[in-house]
Amino acid sequence: MSTHTKVIHSKHTQFKLKEPPMYNVIMHNDDVTTMDFVVYVLVKIFRKSEKDAETLMLKIHNEGSAVVGTYTQDIAKSKANYTMNLAKANNFPLQLTIEEN
């Protein structure tokens, strides 16, 4: 894992700014959630192109899971929770997890 540190100099103090850690959002396959719904959330929530969303959906289907995006922790949690709430509202058991990149 690489992090970038930026040093800021001032007359009195020196600050080191560190980039926040990044987190992968992982989507997991299930036997109920439709492929169309998965493509829909990949396009609308994770900002994938239609073609990339279809390719990623097939990877999730065939391999059991895949990273669908990498974000700061707050954004990763928000996207995962929003997606699972949307899935639940549509009666799908879609699950997403996050892990540090």
N, C-alpha and C. Protein backbone atom coordinates (compact mmCIF):
# COMPACT_ATOMS: atom_id res chain seq x y z
N MET A 1 0.86 -1.17 0.00
CA MET A 1 0.00 0.00 0.00
C MET A 1 0.90 1.23 0.00
N SER A 2 0.69 2.09 -0.93
CA SER A 2 1.50 3.29 -0.98
C SER A 2 0.67 4.47 -0.51
N THR A 3 1.30 5.32 0.26
CA THR A 3 0.64 6.55 0.68
C THR A 3 1.53 7.71 0.29
N HIS A 4 0.92 8.80 0.02
CA HIS A 4 1.66 9.99 -0.37
C HIS A 4 1.61 10.98 0.78
N THR A 5 2.74 11.53 1.11
CA THR A 5 2.82 12.53 2.16
C THR A 5 3.26 13.84 1.54
N LYS A 6 2.56 14.89 1.89
CA LYS A 6 2.87 16.21 1.37
C LYS A 6 3.34 17.07 2.54
N VAL A 7 4.46 17.70 2.39
CA VAL A 7 5.01 18.54 3.45
C VAL A 7 4.71 20.00 3.11
N ILE A 8 4.14 20.70 4.08
CA ILE A 8 3.83 22.11 3.93
C ILE A 8 4.71 22.88 4.91
N HIS A 9 5.42 23.86 4.40
CA HIS A 9 6.30 24.68 5.25
C HIS A 9 5.64 26.03 5.52
N SER A 10 5.80 26.49 6.73
CA SER A 10 5.37 27.84 7.06
C SER A 10 6.46 28.44 7.95
N LYS A 11 6.33 29.69 8.29
CA LYS A 11 7.35 30.34 9.12
C LYS A 11 7.55 29.64 10.46
N HIS A 12 6.46 29.16 11.03
CA HIS A 12 6.52 28.67 12.40
C HIS A 12 6.35 27.16 12.54
N THR A 13 5.69 26.57 11.61
CA THR A 13 5.33 25.17 11.76
C THR A 13 5.49 24.41 10.46
N GLN A 14 5.76 23.15 10.59
CA GLN A 14 5.82 22.28 9.41
C GLN A 14 4.74 21.21 9.59
N PHE A 15 3.89 21.03 8.57
CA PHE A 15 2.82 20.05 8.61
C PHE A 15 3.09 18.96 7.60
N LYS A 16 2.75 17.76 7.96
CA LYS A 16 2.79 16.64 7.01
C LYS A 16 1.36 16.18 6.81
N LEU A 17 0.90 16.27 5.57
CA LEU A 17 -0.45 15.81 5.24
C LEU A 17 -0.35 14.43 4.62
N LYS A 18 -1.13 13.52 5.12
CA LYS A 18 -1.10 12.14 4.65
C LYS A 18 -2.45 11.83 3.98
N GLU A 19 -2.39 11.24 2.81
CA GLU A 19 -3.63 10.86 2.14
C GLU A 19 -4.35 9.80 2.96
N PRO A 20 -5.68 9.85 2.98
CA PRO A 20 -6.42 8.85 3.76
C PRO A 20 -6.31 7.46 3.11
N PRO A 21 -6.44 6.41 3.91
CA PRO A 21 -6.40 5.07 3.33
C PRO A 21 -7.61 4.86 2.41
N MET A 22 -7.42 4.03 1.41
CA MET A 22 -8.49 3.73 0.46
C MET A 22 -9.07 2.35 0.76
N TYR A 23 -10.35 2.20 0.43
CA TYR A 23 -11.07 0.96 0.71
C TYR A 23 -11.73 0.44 -0.56
N ASN A 24 -11.63 -0.88 -0.75
CA ASN A 24 -12.29 -1.54 -1.88
C ASN A 24 -13.72 -1.89 -1.48
N VAL A 25 -14.66 -1.63 -2.38
CA VAL A 25 -16.04 -2.09 -2.20
C VAL A 25 -16.15 -3.38 -3.01
N ILE A 26 -16.54 -4.45 -2.34
CA ILE A 26 -16.62 -5.77 -2.97
C ILE A 26 -18.09 -6.19 -3.04
N MET A 27 -18.53 -6.56 -4.24
CA MET A 27 -19.89 -7.05 -4.44
C MET A 27 -19.83 -8.57 -4.52
N HIS A 28 -20.78 -9.21 -3.83
CA HIS A 28 -20.80 -10.67 -3.75
C HIS A 28 -21.97 -11.24 -4.55
N ASN A 29 -21.73 -12.36 -5.20
CA ASN A 29 -22.75 -13.04 -5.99
C ASN A 29 -23.78 -13.70 -5.08
N ASP A 30 -25.00 -13.77 -5.54
CA ASP A 30 -26.04 -14.57 -4.89
C ASP A 30 -26.93 -15.15 -5.99
N ASP A 31 -27.81 -16.04 -5.63
CA ASP A 31 -28.64 -16.72 -6.62
C ASP A 31 -29.98 -16.03 -6.85
N VAL A 32 -30.21 -14.87 -6.24
CA VAL A 32 -31.51 -14.22 -6.33
C VAL A 32 -31.45 -12.88 -7.08
N THR A 33 -30.47 -12.06 -6.77
CA THR A 33 -30.37 -10.73 -7.38
C THR A 33 -30.18 -10.87 -8.89
N THR A 34 -30.98 -10.14 -9.63
CA THR A 34 -30.93 -10.27 -11.09
C THR A 34 -29.69 -9.58 -11.66
N MET A 35 -29.26 -10.07 -12.79
CA MET A 35 -28.10 -9.47 -13.47
C MET A 35 -28.41 -8.04 -13.88
N ASP A 36 -29.64 -7.78 -14.29
CA ASP A 36 -30.04 -6.43 -14.68
C ASP A 36 -29.93 -5.45 -13.52
N PHE A 37 -30.32 -5.89 -12.31
CA PHE A 37 -30.22 -5.02 -11.14
C PHE A 37 -28.76 -4.72 -10.82
N VAL A 38 -27.90 -5.72 -10.90
CA VAL A 38 -26.48 -5.53 -10.63
C VAL A 38 -25.89 -4.53 -11.62
N VAL A 39 -26.20 -4.68 -12.90
CA VAL A 39 -25.71 -3.74 -13.91
C VAL A 39 -26.24 -2.34 -13.61
N TYR A 40 -27.51 -2.24 -13.23
CA TYR A 40 -28.11 -0.95 -12.91
C TYR A 40 -27.34 -0.24 -11.79
N VAL A 41 -27.07 -0.94 -10.68
CA VAL A 41 -26.37 -0.27 -9.57
C VAL A 41 -24.91 0.04 -9.92
N LEU A 42 -24.30 -0.80 -10.74
CA LEU A 42 -22.92 -0.52 -11.15
C LEU A 42 -22.85 0.76 -12.00
N VAL A 43 -23.87 0.97 -12.82
CA VAL A 43 -23.92 2.18 -13.66
C VAL A 43 -24.32 3.40 -12.81
N LYS A 44 -25.39 3.30 -12.06
CA LYS A 44 -25.95 4.45 -11.35
C LYS A 44 -25.19 4.84 -10.09
N ILE A 45 -24.74 3.86 -9.32
CA ILE A 45 -24.11 4.16 -8.04
C ILE A 45 -22.59 4.18 -8.14
N PHE A 46 -22.05 3.24 -8.92
CA PHE A 46 -20.59 3.13 -9.01
C PHE A 46 -20.02 3.77 -10.27
N ARG A 47 -20.88 4.42 -11.06
CA ARG A 47 -20.47 5.22 -12.22
C ARG A 47 -19.67 4.45 -13.27
N LYS A 48 -20.05 3.19 -13.49
CA LYS A 48 -19.41 2.38 -14.53
C LYS A 48 -20.14 2.60 -15.85
N SER A 49 -19.44 2.41 -16.95
CA SER A 49 -20.11 2.46 -18.25
C SER A 49 -20.96 1.19 -18.35
N GLU A 50 -21.90 1.20 -19.27
CA GLU A 50 -22.77 0.03 -19.47
C GLU A 50 -21.93 -1.21 -19.78
N LYS A 51 -20.95 -1.06 -20.66
CA LYS A 51 -20.10 -2.19 -21.05
C LYS A 51 -19.27 -2.69 -19.86
N ASP A 52 -18.64 -1.75 -19.12
CA ASP A 52 -17.85 -2.15 -17.96
C ASP A 52 -18.72 -2.80 -16.89
N ALA A 53 -19.93 -2.29 -16.71
CA ALA A 53 -20.86 -2.86 -15.72
C ALA A 53 -21.22 -4.29 -16.08
N GLU A 54 -21.47 -4.55 -17.36
CA GLU A 54 -21.82 -5.91 -17.79
C GLU A 54 -20.63 -6.86 -17.59
N THR A 55 -19.43 -6.40 -17.92
CA THR A 55 -18.23 -7.21 -17.74
C THR A 55 -18.01 -7.51 -16.26
N LEU A 56 -18.17 -6.51 -15.41
CA LEU A 56 -18.00 -6.68 -13.97
C LEU A 56 -19.07 -7.59 -13.38
N MET A 57 -20.31 -7.44 -13.84
CA MET A 57 -21.40 -8.30 -13.38
C MET A 57 -21.08 -9.76 -13.68
N LEU A 58 -20.57 -10.04 -14.88
CA LEU A 58 -20.23 -11.42 -15.24
C LEU A 58 -19.07 -11.94 -14.39
N LYS A 59 -18.13 -11.08 -14.07
CA LYS A 59 -17.02 -11.49 -13.19
C LYS A 59 -17.56 -11.85 -11.80
N ILE A 60 -18.45 -11.05 -11.28
CA ILE A 60 -19.06 -11.34 -9.97
C ILE A 60 -19.82 -12.66 -10.03
N HIS A 61 -20.58 -12.85 -11.09
CA HIS A 61 -21.37 -14.07 -11.27
C HIS A 61 -20.48 -15.31 -11.37
N ASN A 62 -19.41 -15.22 -12.14
CA ASN A 62 -18.54 -16.38 -12.39
C ASN A 62 -17.53 -16.64 -11.27
N GLU A 63 -17.03 -15.59 -10.63
CA GLU A 63 -15.98 -15.75 -9.63
C GLU A 63 -16.47 -15.63 -8.20
N GLY A 64 -17.71 -15.20 -8.01
CA GLY A 64 -18.28 -15.12 -6.67
C GLY A 64 -18.24 -13.73 -6.05
N SER A 65 -17.30 -12.91 -6.48
CA SER A 65 -17.22 -11.53 -5.98
C SER A 65 -16.22 -10.76 -6.83
N ALA A 66 -16.27 -9.44 -6.71
CA ALA A 66 -15.32 -8.59 -7.42
C ALA A 66 -15.32 -7.21 -6.78
N VAL A 67 -14.19 -6.52 -6.90
CA VAL A 67 -14.08 -5.14 -6.45
C VAL A 67 -14.81 -4.27 -7.47
N VAL A 68 -15.77 -3.47 -6.97
CA VAL A 68 -16.55 -2.62 -7.87
C VAL A 68 -16.15 -1.15 -7.77
N GLY A 69 -15.28 -0.82 -6.81
CA GLY A 69 -14.81 0.55 -6.68
C GLY A 69 -13.86 0.68 -5.51
N THR A 70 -13.04 1.72 -5.53
CA THR A 70 -12.10 2.00 -4.46
C THR A 70 -12.26 3.47 -4.06
N TYR A 71 -12.52 3.68 -2.77
CA TYR A 71 -12.87 5.01 -2.28
C TYR A 71 -12.30 5.22 -0.88
N THR A 72 -12.41 6.44 -0.36
CA THR A 72 -12.11 6.67 1.05
C THR A 72 -13.15 5.89 1.86
N GLN A 73 -12.85 5.67 3.14
CA GLN A 73 -13.71 4.82 3.97
C GLN A 73 -15.16 5.30 4.01
N ASP A 74 -15.38 6.59 4.23
CA ASP A 74 -16.75 7.11 4.33
C ASP A 74 -17.53 6.90 3.04
N ILE A 75 -16.90 7.16 1.91
CA ILE A 75 -17.59 6.99 0.63
C ILE A 75 -17.83 5.52 0.35
N ALA A 76 -16.86 4.66 0.65
CA ALA A 76 -17.03 3.22 0.44
C ALA A 76 -18.21 2.70 1.26
N LYS A 77 -18.27 3.08 2.53
CA LYS A 77 -19.38 2.65 3.39
C LYS A 77 -20.71 3.17 2.88
N SER A 78 -20.74 4.43 2.48
CA SER A 78 -21.99 5.03 1.97
C SER A 78 -22.49 4.31 0.73
N LYS A 79 -21.59 4.07 -0.24
CA LYS A 79 -22.00 3.39 -1.48
C LYS A 79 -22.46 1.96 -1.20
N ALA A 80 -21.74 1.24 -0.33
CA ALA A 80 -22.13 -0.13 0.00
C ALA A 80 -23.49 -0.15 0.70
N ASN A 81 -23.68 0.71 1.69
CA ASN A 81 -24.96 0.74 2.42
C ASN A 81 -26.11 1.18 1.53
N TYR A 82 -25.88 2.19 0.71
CA TYR A 82 -26.93 2.67 -0.20
C TYR A 82 -27.35 1.55 -1.16
N THR A 83 -26.36 0.84 -1.70
CA THR A 83 -26.65 -0.25 -2.64
C THR A 83 -27.43 -1.37 -1.96
N MET A 84 -27.01 -1.76 -0.76
CA MET A 84 -27.72 -2.85 -0.06
C MET A 84 -29.13 -2.43 0.34
N ASN A 85 -29.33 -1.17 0.72
CA ASN A 85 -30.68 -0.68 1.04
C ASN A 85 -31.56 -0.67 -0.20
N LEU A 86 -31.00 -0.26 -1.33
CA LEU A 86 -31.75 -0.28 -2.58
C LEU A 86 -32.11 -1.71 -2.97
N ALA A 87 -31.16 -2.63 -2.79
CA ALA A 87 -31.42 -4.04 -3.09
C ALA A 87 -32.52 -4.58 -2.19
N LYS A 88 -32.45 -4.27 -0.91
CA LYS A 88 -33.47 -4.74 0.03
C LYS A 88 -34.85 -4.20 -0.34
N ALA A 89 -34.91 -2.94 -0.73
CA ALA A 89 -36.18 -2.33 -1.15
C ALA A 89 -36.76 -3.02 -2.38
N ASN A 90 -35.89 -3.67 -3.17
CA ASN A 90 -36.33 -4.38 -4.36
C ASN A 90 -36.36 -5.90 -4.15
N ASN A 91 -36.31 -6.30 -2.87
CA ASN A 91 -36.38 -7.72 -2.47
C ASN A 91 -35.23 -8.57 -2.99
N PHE A 92 -34.04 -7.98 -3.04
CA PHE A 92 -32.83 -8.71 -3.41
C PHE A 92 -31.90 -8.79 -2.20
N PRO A 93 -31.23 -9.94 -2.02
CA PRO A 93 -30.31 -10.09 -0.89
C PRO A 93 -28.87 -9.67 -1.19
N LEU A 94 -28.66 -8.81 -2.15
CA LEU A 94 -27.33 -8.41 -2.57
C LEU A 94 -26.49 -7.93 -1.39
N GLN A 95 -25.25 -8.43 -1.30
CA GLN A 95 -24.35 -8.06 -0.21
C GLN A 95 -23.08 -7.43 -0.76
N LEU A 96 -22.61 -6.41 -0.08
CA LEU A 96 -21.34 -5.77 -0.39
C LEU A 96 -20.54 -5.66 0.89
N THR A 97 -19.23 -5.76 0.77
CA THR A 97 -18.36 -5.58 1.91
C THR A 97 -17.28 -4.56 1.49
N ILE A 98 -16.59 -4.02 2.51
CA ILE A 98 -15.48 -3.13 2.21
C ILE A 98 -14.24 -3.65 2.94
N GLU A 99 -13.10 -3.44 2.32
CA GLU A 99 -11.82 -3.81 2.96
C GLU A 99 -10.78 -2.80 2.55
N GLU A 100 -9.83 -2.59 3.44
CA GLU A 100 -8.77 -1.63 3.14
C GLU A 100 -7.97 -2.09 1.96
N ASN A 101 -7.65 -1.18 1.08
CA ASN A 101 -6.93 -1.47 -0.16
C ASN A 101 -5.47 -1.76 0.14
